[in-house]
N, C-alpha and C. Protein backbone atom coordinates (compact mmCIF):
# COMPACT_ATOMS: atom_id res chain seq x y z
N MET A 1 13.88 15.21 -16.53
CA MET A 1 12.82 14.00 -16.13
C MET A 1 12.16 14.35 -14.95
N GLN A 2 10.89 13.93 -15.04
CA GLN A 2 10.12 13.81 -14.02
C GLN A 2 9.89 12.62 -13.03
N PHE A 3 10.21 12.88 -11.75
CA PHE A 3 10.21 11.66 -10.84
C PHE A 3 8.95 11.67 -9.84
N PRO A 4 8.49 10.40 -9.41
CA PRO A 4 7.31 10.35 -8.58
C PRO A 4 7.68 10.97 -7.38
N ARG A 5 8.68 11.01 -6.79
CA ARG A 5 9.09 11.38 -5.17
C ARG A 5 10.30 12.28 -5.27
N LYS A 6 10.79 12.68 -4.27
CA LYS A 6 11.83 13.70 -4.14
C LYS A 6 12.85 12.72 -3.39
N VAL A 7 12.85 11.84 -2.99
CA VAL A 7 13.86 10.71 -2.46
C VAL A 7 13.39 9.29 -2.87
N MET A 8 14.34 8.65 -3.80
CA MET A 8 13.95 7.31 -4.04
C MET A 8 15.33 6.28 -3.88
N THR A 9 15.05 5.05 -3.56
CA THR A 9 16.28 4.01 -3.67
C THR A 9 16.38 3.37 -5.13
N THR A 10 17.55 3.08 -5.14
CA THR A 10 17.92 2.34 -6.32
C THR A 10 16.77 1.37 -6.99
N LYS A 11 15.99 0.69 -6.16
CA LYS A 11 15.19 -0.23 -6.86
C LYS A 11 13.85 0.43 -7.12
N GLU A 12 13.53 1.63 -6.51
CA GLU A 12 12.47 2.20 -6.84
C GLU A 12 12.57 2.82 -8.28
N LEU A 13 13.68 3.80 -8.29
CA LEU A 13 14.13 4.27 -9.90
C LEU A 13 14.33 3.33 -10.61
N TYR A 14 14.51 1.97 -10.47
CA TYR A 14 14.62 0.90 -11.42
C TYR A 14 13.51 0.40 -11.85
N GLU A 15 12.66 0.39 -11.00
CA GLU A 15 11.52 -0.40 -11.03
C GLU A 15 10.12 0.74 -11.63
N GLU A 16 10.29 2.08 -11.37
CA GLU A 16 9.03 2.89 -11.65
C GLU A 16 9.68 3.85 -12.39
N CYS A 17 10.93 3.93 -12.59
CA CYS A 17 11.23 4.91 -14.00
C CYS A 17 12.18 4.09 -15.00
N GLY A 18 12.48 2.68 -14.71
CA GLY A 18 13.28 2.17 -15.90
C GLY A 18 14.75 2.62 -15.90
N ILE A 19 15.33 2.99 -15.00
CA ILE A 19 16.69 3.72 -14.84
C ILE A 19 17.54 2.33 -14.69
N PRO A 20 18.40 1.96 -15.67
CA PRO A 20 19.32 0.93 -15.21
C PRO A 20 20.22 0.81 -13.93
N LYS A 21 20.12 -0.29 -13.17
CA LYS A 21 20.61 -0.29 -12.04
C LYS A 21 22.30 0.01 -11.93
N SER A 22 22.96 -0.69 -13.19
CA SER A 22 24.16 -0.15 -13.24
C SER A 22 24.51 1.13 -13.09
N PHE A 23 23.61 1.87 -14.18
CA PHE A 23 23.72 3.42 -14.27
C PHE A 23 23.68 4.00 -12.91
N LEU A 24 22.92 3.60 -12.28
CA LEU A 24 22.53 4.35 -10.90
C LEU A 24 23.89 4.04 -9.76
N ARG A 25 24.37 2.57 -10.07
CA ARG A 25 25.63 2.35 -9.13
C ARG A 25 26.51 3.23 -9.40
N GLN A 26 26.77 3.47 -10.89
CA GLN A 26 27.85 4.38 -11.29
C GLN A 26 27.77 5.71 -10.77
N MET A 27 26.45 6.07 -11.04
CA MET A 27 26.48 7.71 -10.56
C MET A 27 26.33 7.70 -9.15
N ALA A 28 26.25 6.65 -8.19
CA ALA A 28 26.42 6.82 -6.77
C ALA A 28 27.74 6.89 -6.53
N HIS A 29 28.60 6.42 -6.89
CA HIS A 29 30.23 6.36 -6.82
C HIS A 29 31.20 7.27 -7.63
N VAL A 30 30.37 8.19 -8.44
CA VAL A 30 31.14 9.26 -8.83
C VAL A 30 31.60 9.99 -7.84
N GLU A 31 33.05 10.46 -7.95
CA GLU A 31 33.74 11.17 -7.14
C GLU A 31 33.28 12.65 -6.82
N GLY A 32 32.81 13.01 -5.71
CA GLY A 32 32.15 14.49 -5.52
C GLY A 32 30.89 14.75 -6.02
N GLN A 33 29.95 13.50 -5.99
CA GLN A 33 28.77 13.36 -6.52
C GLN A 33 27.68 13.96 -5.04
N LYS A 34 26.70 14.56 -5.31
CA LYS A 34 26.03 14.98 -4.26
C LYS A 34 24.42 14.63 -4.35
N CYS A 35 24.14 13.60 -5.20
CA CYS A 35 23.05 13.27 -5.44
C CYS A 35 22.54 11.90 -4.78
N ALA A 36 23.55 10.98 -4.17
CA ALA A 36 23.25 9.56 -3.56
C ALA A 36 23.86 9.76 -2.10
N LEU A 37 23.00 9.14 -1.26
CA LEU A 37 23.65 9.07 0.06
C LEU A 37 23.39 7.42 0.85
N LYS A 38 23.96 7.16 1.61
CA LYS A 38 23.80 5.85 2.14
C LYS A 38 23.68 6.17 3.77
N LYS A 39 22.52 5.55 4.41
CA LYS A 39 22.82 5.84 6.02
C LYS A 39 23.75 5.27 6.43
N PRO A 40 24.08 5.29 7.69
CA PRO A 40 25.40 4.68 8.37
C PRO A 40 24.88 3.55 8.61
N GLY A 41 25.69 2.33 8.11
CA GLY A 41 25.46 1.12 8.33
C GLY A 41 24.35 0.52 7.50
N GLY A 42 23.73 1.24 6.62
CA GLY A 42 22.72 0.70 5.68
C GLY A 42 23.34 0.12 4.47
N ARG A 43 22.39 -0.50 3.57
CA ARG A 43 22.78 -1.01 2.29
C ARG A 43 22.38 -0.22 1.14
N LYS A 44 21.30 0.44 1.28
CA LYS A 44 20.61 1.15 0.25
C LYS A 44 21.18 2.45 -0.02
N PHE A 45 21.31 2.90 -1.27
CA PHE A 45 21.76 4.02 -1.76
C PHE A 45 20.07 5.02 -1.83
N TYR A 46 20.36 6.25 -1.34
CA TYR A 46 19.13 6.95 -1.49
C TYR A 46 19.20 8.13 -2.38
N PHE A 47 18.56 8.36 -3.23
CA PHE A 47 18.91 9.66 -4.26
C PHE A 47 17.80 10.71 -4.36
N ASP A 48 18.46 11.85 -4.38
CA ASP A 48 17.59 13.24 -4.40
C ASP A 48 17.38 13.09 -5.75
N THR A 49 16.15 12.98 -6.14
CA THR A 49 15.70 13.31 -7.44
C THR A 49 16.19 14.21 -8.15
N ASP A 50 16.14 15.39 -7.65
CA ASP A 50 16.34 16.46 -8.08
C ASP A 50 17.82 16.70 -8.82
N LYS A 51 18.80 16.31 -7.72
CA LYS A 51 19.90 16.39 -7.94
C LYS A 51 20.25 15.29 -9.00
N LEU A 52 19.85 14.10 -9.06
CA LEU A 52 20.04 13.22 -10.10
C LEU A 52 19.62 13.38 -11.52
N GLY A 53 18.32 14.13 -11.24
CA GLY A 53 18.15 14.71 -12.67
C GLY A 53 19.06 15.68 -13.35
N ARG A 54 19.80 16.47 -12.53
CA ARG A 54 20.76 17.65 -12.99
C ARG A 54 21.82 16.73 -13.41
N GLN A 55 22.33 15.97 -12.70
CA GLN A 55 23.43 15.09 -12.80
C GLN A 55 23.47 14.11 -14.18
N MET A 56 22.31 13.46 -14.71
CA MET A 56 22.13 12.73 -15.61
C MET A 56 22.12 13.73 -16.72
N GLU A 57 21.72 15.05 -16.73
CA GLU A 57 21.67 15.98 -17.82
C GLU A 57 23.09 15.99 -18.05
N LYS A 58 23.97 16.49 -17.19
CA LYS A 58 25.28 16.51 -17.23
C LYS A 58 26.07 15.69 -18.04
N TYR A 59 25.80 14.07 -17.56
CA TYR A 59 26.38 13.06 -18.37
C TYR A 59 25.79 12.58 -19.78
N ALA A 60 24.64 13.31 -19.97
CA ALA A 60 24.05 13.08 -21.25
C ALA A 60 24.78 12.89 -22.47
N VAL A 61 24.68 12.01 -23.45
CA VAL A 61 25.27 12.12 -24.46
C VAL A 61 24.62 12.81 -25.50
N ARG A 62 25.10 13.57 -26.23
CA ARG A 62 24.45 14.63 -27.18
C ARG A 62 25.00 14.33 -28.58
């Protein structure tokens, strides 16, 4: 999957790419994941879109 930017927030991924917010929240809370991070004291999750794309392929139903 191609993303517009290298790093995007949950809201940007939802609005621009149509990925459901609930799915992104689940991906951010998977134990051992490396694609989502939160700045100290912040509320937003920031996703590395390259790593998110690989993780989405890993969890895709085939």
